[in-house]
Amino acid sequence: MEIPTENPLLEVGCDYITVTAASSAARQNLVEFGKYLVRDAVRGGGKQTVCRTLGYKGESAPGVSWGQRPDGALLRATSNKAAEHWNQVFDASEHCTRFDVQITLRTQQHPHEIMSAVWKRNPGWTTGEGRKSKVKKVVGPTGIESMFIGSRQSERFFRIYDKGIESGSEWYRMAVRWELELKAEAAHSYVDQLSRAQNPEAAMLATVCNFAVTRLEIRPGTGHLRWIASDEIKCTRLPESAQSYIKELRWLNRSVRPCVERLVASGMRDKLLIALGLSDDTQQSE
């Protein structure tokens, strides 16, 4: 089912990301980047406060917060900070625990009418593929203002809402946001693949649109809004072996590469290769 309206795409991107790190090197990188983002937010006019969440203690400013506790560090970015820095935040971490991807469309119809069409197609339960999920709606003075698909505790939770009402901003008047919240291994698997995609925005657009089509049998927009199914990232669990390889490669990049670069710059390349067992002389002697 298509919603019969032209829906200019206002935004597509990450709206929320939370990452953690446990090893000493990764913790240091995560905290330093968190401090940088907080300072940047303060320079932009934001107020710095103390962050205390889930036992982590650190700093917070509009759109970003970081903290430390004995077993690791946490960094969280939202809204514009998440949209701009999600890739750097993920690269500085060891694990992503939550990732929200969204598209926002300016509608010709009232957002209530858009969500009414979704509800008519999915009255209380999803009608598309996969296991049935609950569909809930919140009704306000203007009609349906938001919808929730699935369980907040699950790895995938979908929201549709009137962004103008939610934000109170005139910029988002007549705008509907479609947002997929990923948690735990689904979040980590997705953002790991997204960080290596040639066109992350196209992948995020395809992911949200295909979720709506597959689970709700609703196309978020018609007209010029198009996406390619092959761009969608399948946020399935990574095999355990792949997870361990990725962690090892990140550790090599953060902890070993700087040492290698210093030795090579000092003219110790040959001795470095011998020490690593990569020299032709070493291989011949074996």
Protein backbone atom coordinates (compact mmCIF):
# COMPACT_ATOMS: atom_id res chain seq x y z
CA MET A 1 0.00 0.00 0.00
CA GLU A 2 1.33 3.44 -0.91
CA ILE A 3 0.53 6.64 0.96
CA PRO A 4 -0.83 8.78 -1.92
CA THR A 5 1.26 11.93 -1.55
CA GLU A 6 4.54 13.43 -2.62
CA ASN A 7 6.85 13.33 0.41
CA PRO A 8 10.01 15.43 0.04
CA LEU A 9 12.81 13.91 2.07
CA LEU A 10 13.97 16.35 4.75
CA GLU A 11 16.48 14.16 6.58
CA VAL A 12 17.97 10.71 6.70
CA GLY A 13 20.58 9.55 9.18
CA CYS A 14 21.47 8.39 12.66
CA ASP A 15 19.45 9.99 15.45
CA TYR A 16 20.93 8.17 18.46
CA ILE A 17 24.01 6.06 19.17
CA THR A 18 25.39 4.54 22.36
CA VAL A 19 28.75 2.78 22.44
CA THR A 20 31.03 1.28 25.09
CA ALA A 21 34.66 0.28 25.50
CA ALA A 22 36.35 -1.93 28.09
CA SER A 23 40.06 -2.19 27.19
CA SER A 24 42.31 0.58 28.49
CA ALA A 25 43.33 1.90 25.04
CA ALA A 26 39.77 1.97 23.69
CA ARG A 27 38.48 3.55 26.91
CA GLN A 28 41.00 6.35 26.58
CA ASN A 29 40.07 6.96 22.94
CA LEU A 30 36.35 6.98 23.75
CA VAL A 31 36.72 9.38 26.68
CA GLU A 32 38.96 11.76 24.71
CA PHE A 33 36.51 11.87 21.83
CA GLY A 34 33.63 12.35 24.27
CA LYS A 35 35.44 15.31 25.85
CA TYR A 36 36.01 16.80 22.40
CA LEU A 37 32.29 16.52 21.52
CA VAL A 38 31.27 18.08 24.84
CA ARG A 39 33.69 21.00 24.33
CA ASP A 40 32.34 21.46 20.80
CA ALA A 41 28.76 21.56 22.11
CA VAL A 42 29.74 24.11 24.77
CA ARG A 43 31.45 26.29 22.14
CA GLY A 44 28.16 26.19 20.26
CA GLY A 45 26.35 27.68 23.25
CA GLY A 46 25.38 24.52 25.14
CA LYS A 47 25.67 24.09 28.89
CA GLN A 48 28.05 21.50 30.33
CA THR A 49 26.75 19.35 33.18
CA VAL A 50 27.80 16.25 35.09
CA CYS A 51 26.77 12.96 33.51
CA ARG A 52 25.64 10.16 35.83
CA THR A 53 23.96 7.25 34.07
CA LEU A 54 24.07 3.49 34.62
CA GLY A 55 26.92 3.97 37.09
CA TYR A 56 29.03 5.94 34.59
CA LYS A 57 30.30 9.36 35.64
CA GLY A 58 31.55 12.01 33.26
CA GLU A 59 30.36 15.05 31.32
CA SER A 60 27.26 15.97 29.38
CA ALA A 61 26.20 18.71 26.97
CA PRO A 62 23.34 19.07 24.48
CA GLY A 63 23.46 16.05 22.15
CA VAL A 64 26.35 14.20 23.83
CA SER A 65 27.40 12.58 27.08
CA TRP A 66 30.29 10.38 28.20
CA GLY A 67 31.16 8.57 31.39
CA GLN A 68 33.49 6.06 33.03
CA ARG A 69 33.14 3.35 35.64
CA PRO A 70 35.53 0.59 36.81
CA ASP A 71 34.64 -1.82 33.99
CA GLY A 72 34.66 0.59 31.04
CA ALA A 73 33.52 3.79 29.35
CA LEU A 74 30.35 4.90 27.59
CA LEU A 75 29.68 7.55 24.93
CA ARG A 76 26.24 8.60 23.75
CA ALA A 77 25.31 11.03 20.96
CA THR A 78 21.87 12.17 19.89
CA SER A 79 20.20 14.34 17.27
CA ASN A 80 22.63 16.49 15.24
CA LYS A 81 25.69 15.19 17.10
CA ALA A 82 24.69 11.61 16.28
CA ALA A 83 23.95 12.44 12.64
CA GLU A 84 27.33 14.12 12.18
CA HIS A 85 29.63 11.92 14.26
CA TRP A 86 28.11 8.41 14.45
CA ASN A 87 30.91 6.88 12.37
CA GLN A 88 33.68 8.42 14.50
CA VAL A 89 31.86 7.46 17.70
CA PHE A 90 31.64 3.85 16.54
CA ASP A 91 35.28 3.76 15.40
CA ALA A 92 36.42 4.93 18.83
CA SER A 93 34.47 2.17 20.60
CA GLU A 94 34.49 -1.59 21.01
CA HIS A 95 30.75 -2.22 21.00
CA CYS A 96 27.57 -0.42 19.93
CA THR A 97 24.61 -1.05 22.22
CA ARG A 98 22.01 1.15 20.48
CA PHE A 99 21.63 2.75 17.07
CA ASP A 100 18.57 4.67 15.83
CA VAL A 101 18.18 5.33 12.10
CA GLN A 102 15.51 7.73 10.81
CA ILE A 103 14.02 9.36 7.75
CA THR A 104 11.91 12.52 7.99
CA LEU A 105 9.43 13.43 5.25
CA ARG A 106 7.60 16.70 4.61
CA THR A 107 4.03 15.73 3.81
CA GLN A 108 1.22 17.32 1.82
CA GLN A 109 -1.26 15.45 3.97
CA HIS A 110 -1.53 16.09 7.70
CA PRO A 111 0.72 13.70 9.68
CA HIS A 112 -2.43 12.37 11.37
CA GLU A 113 -3.73 11.23 7.97
CA ILE A 114 -0.46 9.47 7.19
CA MET A 115 -0.53 7.57 10.48
CA SER A 116 -4.24 6.84 10.11
CA ALA A 117 -3.42 5.06 6.84
CA VAL A 118 -0.78 3.00 8.67
CA TRP A 119 -3.27 2.14 11.43
CA LYS A 120 -5.98 1.19 8.94
CA ARG A 121 -3.55 -1.27 7.38
CA ASN A 122 -2.24 -2.49 10.76
CA PRO A 123 -5.06 -2.14 13.32
CA GLY A 124 -3.34 -3.25 16.53
CA TRP A 125 -0.99 -5.80 14.94
CA THR A 126 1.45 -5.82 12.04
CA THR A 127 0.05 -7.39 8.87
CA GLY A 128 3.31 -7.86 6.97
CA GLU A 129 5.99 -10.54 7.02
CA GLY A 130 7.52 -12.05 10.14
CA ARG A 131 6.16 -12.61 13.61
CA LYS A 132 3.22 -10.35 14.46
CA SER A 133 4.08 -7.31 16.58
CA LYS A 134 1.79 -5.00 18.50
CA VAL A 135 0.98 -1.63 16.93
CA LYS A 136 0.03 1.16 19.34
CA LYS A 137 -1.10 4.70 18.66
CA VAL A 138 -1.14 7.87 20.75
CA VAL A 139 -3.99 10.25 19.94
CA GLY A 140 -3.90 13.96 20.74
CA PRO A 141 -5.99 17.03 19.90
CA THR A 142 -5.00 16.86 16.21
CA GLY A 143 -5.50 13.10 15.84
CA ILE A 144 -2.83 10.38 15.88
CA GLU A 145 0.44 11.98 16.96
CA SER A 146 2.68 8.91 17.24
CA MET A 147 2.75 5.15 16.68
CA PHE A 148 4.89 2.39 18.16
CA ILE A 149 5.53 -0.96 16.54
CA GLY A 150 6.97 -3.84 18.56
CA SER A 151 8.37 -3.98 22.09
CA ARG A 152 10.70 -1.39 23.58
CA GLN A 153 12.70 -4.24 25.11
CA SER A 154 13.28 -6.02 21.78
CA GLU A 155 16.30 -5.56 19.52
CA ARG A 156 14.11 -3.79 16.93
CA PHE A 157 11.54 -1.14 17.81
CA PHE A 158 9.84 1.10 15.22
CA ARG A 159 8.32 4.55 15.70
CA ILE A 160 6.31 6.88 13.47
CA TYR A 161 5.48 10.35 14.78
CA ASP A 162 4.60 13.92 14.01
CA LYS A 163 8.02 15.55 14.21
CA GLY A 164 6.52 19.04 14.35
CA ILE A 165 4.58 18.25 17.51
CA GLU A 166 7.45 16.26 19.04
CA SER A 167 10.05 18.99 18.44
CA GLY A 168 7.93 22.11 18.70
CA SER A 169 9.91 23.47 15.76
CA GLU A 170 8.31 25.30 12.83
CA TRP A 171 10.93 23.72 10.56
CA TYR A 172 9.28 20.33 11.11
CA ARG A 173 5.72 21.48 10.51
CA MET A 174 3.83 18.83 8.49
CA ALA A 175 6.78 16.43 8.85
CA VAL A 176 6.54 12.73 9.71
CA ARG A 177 9.51 10.83 11.13
CA TRP A 178 9.93 7.08 10.55
CA GLU A 179 12.51 5.70 12.96
CA LEU A 180 13.98 2.25 13.62
CA GLU A 181 15.67 1.67 16.99
CA LEU A 182 18.21 -1.14 17.08
CA LYS A 183 19.70 -2.51 20.30
CA ALA A 184 22.28 -5.05 21.48
CA GLU A 185 23.76 -7.32 18.78
CA ALA A 186 21.34 -6.05 16.12
CA ALA A 187 22.69 -2.52 16.67
CA HIS A 188 26.34 -3.59 16.61
CA SER A 189 25.92 -5.73 13.50
CA TYR A 190 24.08 -2.97 11.66
CA VAL A 191 26.45 -0.10 12.41
CA ASP A 192 29.48 -2.28 11.72
CA GLN A 193 28.19 -2.92 8.20
CA LEU A 194 27.01 0.67 7.81
CA SER A 195 30.46 2.03 8.68
CA ARG A 196 31.85 0.18 5.65
CA ALA A 197 29.06 1.10 3.21
CA GLN A 198 29.93 3.30 0.22
CA ASN A 199 26.73 5.34 0.66
CA PRO A 200 25.53 5.15 4.30
CA GLU A 201 22.59 7.52 3.70
CA ALA A 202 21.22 5.31 0.91
CA ALA A 203 21.61 2.27 3.15
CA MET A 204 19.77 3.97 6.03
CA LEU A 205 16.97 5.14 3.74
CA ALA A 206 16.57 1.63 2.34
CA THR A 207 16.61 0.05 5.81
CA VAL A 208 13.79 2.23 7.17
CA CYS A 209 11.67 2.06 4.00
CA ASN A 210 12.04 -1.68 3.59
CA PHE A 211 11.17 -2.27 7.25
CA ALA A 212 7.94 -0.29 6.77
CA VAL A 213 7.08 -2.11 3.54
CA THR A 214 7.92 -5.58 4.88
CA ARG A 215 6.39 -5.32 8.36
CA LEU A 216 3.60 -2.75 7.87
CA GLU A 217 2.86 -3.11 4.14
CA ILE A 218 3.13 0.68 3.84
CA ARG A 219 5.48 2.68 1.63
CA PRO A 220 6.58 5.80 3.54
CA GLY A 221 6.50 7.94 0.38
CA THR A 222 5.79 7.98 -3.32
CA GLY A 223 6.85 10.24 -6.14
CA HIS A 224 10.58 11.00 -6.20
CA LEU A 225 11.31 9.08 -2.97
CA ARG A 226 12.88 5.85 -4.20
CA TRP A 227 15.18 3.32 -2.67
CA ILE A 228 16.89 0.13 -3.78
CA ALA A 229 16.20 -3.03 -1.82
CA SER A 230 19.81 -4.14 -2.27
CA ASP A 231 20.96 -1.06 -0.33
CA GLU A 232 19.29 -2.34 2.82
CA ILE A 233 21.62 -3.70 5.48
CA LYS A 234 20.42 -6.93 7.00
CA CYS A 235 20.95 -6.33 10.71
CA THR A 236 21.41 -9.98 11.64
CA ARG A 237 23.82 -11.26 14.25
CA LEU A 238 27.42 -11.56 13.14
CA PRO A 239 29.00 -15.00 13.49
CA GLU A 240 31.03 -15.24 16.68
CA SER A 241 34.25 -15.75 14.75
CA ALA A 242 33.65 -12.60 12.72
CA GLN A 243 33.02 -10.64 15.92
CA SER A 244 36.33 -11.75 17.38
CA TYR A 245 38.23 -10.94 14.16
CA ILE A 246 36.74 -7.44 14.09
CA LYS A 247 37.77 -6.80 17.70
CA GLU A 248 41.29 -8.05 17.00
CA LEU A 249 41.62 -5.83 13.94
CA ARG A 250 40.45 -2.80 15.92
CA TRP A 251 42.93 -3.61 18.67
CA LEU A 252 45.75 -3.86 16.11
CA ASN A 253 44.76 -0.53 14.57
CA ARG A 254 44.58 1.32 17.88
CA SER A 255 47.30 -0.32 19.93
CA VAL A 256 49.87 -1.81 17.54
CA ARG A 257 49.81 0.45 14.49
CA PRO A 258 51.23 3.56 16.30
CA CYS A 259 54.18 1.49 17.58
CA VAL A 260 54.85 0.06 14.11
CA GLU A 261 54.75 3.53 12.56
CA ARG A 262 57.27 4.86 15.11
CA LEU A 263 59.69 1.98 14.45
CA VAL A 264 59.45 2.36 10.68
CA ALA A 265 60.00 6.13 10.97
CA SER A 266 63.12 5.42 13.07
CA GLY A 267 64.62 3.25 10.34
CA MET A 268 63.92 -0.02 12.15
CA ARG A 269 61.77 -1.56 9.44
CA ASP A 270 64.00 -4.59 8.82
CA LYS A 271 64.33 -5.40 12.52
CA LEU A 272 60.56 -4.95 12.90
CA LEU A 273 59.86 -7.50 10.15
CA ILE A 274 62.30 -9.94 11.75
CA ALA A 275 60.65 -9.49 15.16
CA LEU A 276 57.24 -10.18 13.62
CA GLY A 277 58.50 -13.18 11.67
CA LEU A 278 57.71 -11.48 8.37
CA SER A 279 61.25 -11.03 7.07
CA ASP A 280 62.46 -13.09 4.10
CA ASP A 281 65.60 -13.91 6.14
CA THR A 282 63.46 -15.30 8.94
CA GLN A 283 61.37 -17.39 6.56
CA GLN A 284 64.47 -18.81 4.83
CA SER A 285 66.11 -19.75 8.13
CA GLU A 286 62.99 -21.67 9.07
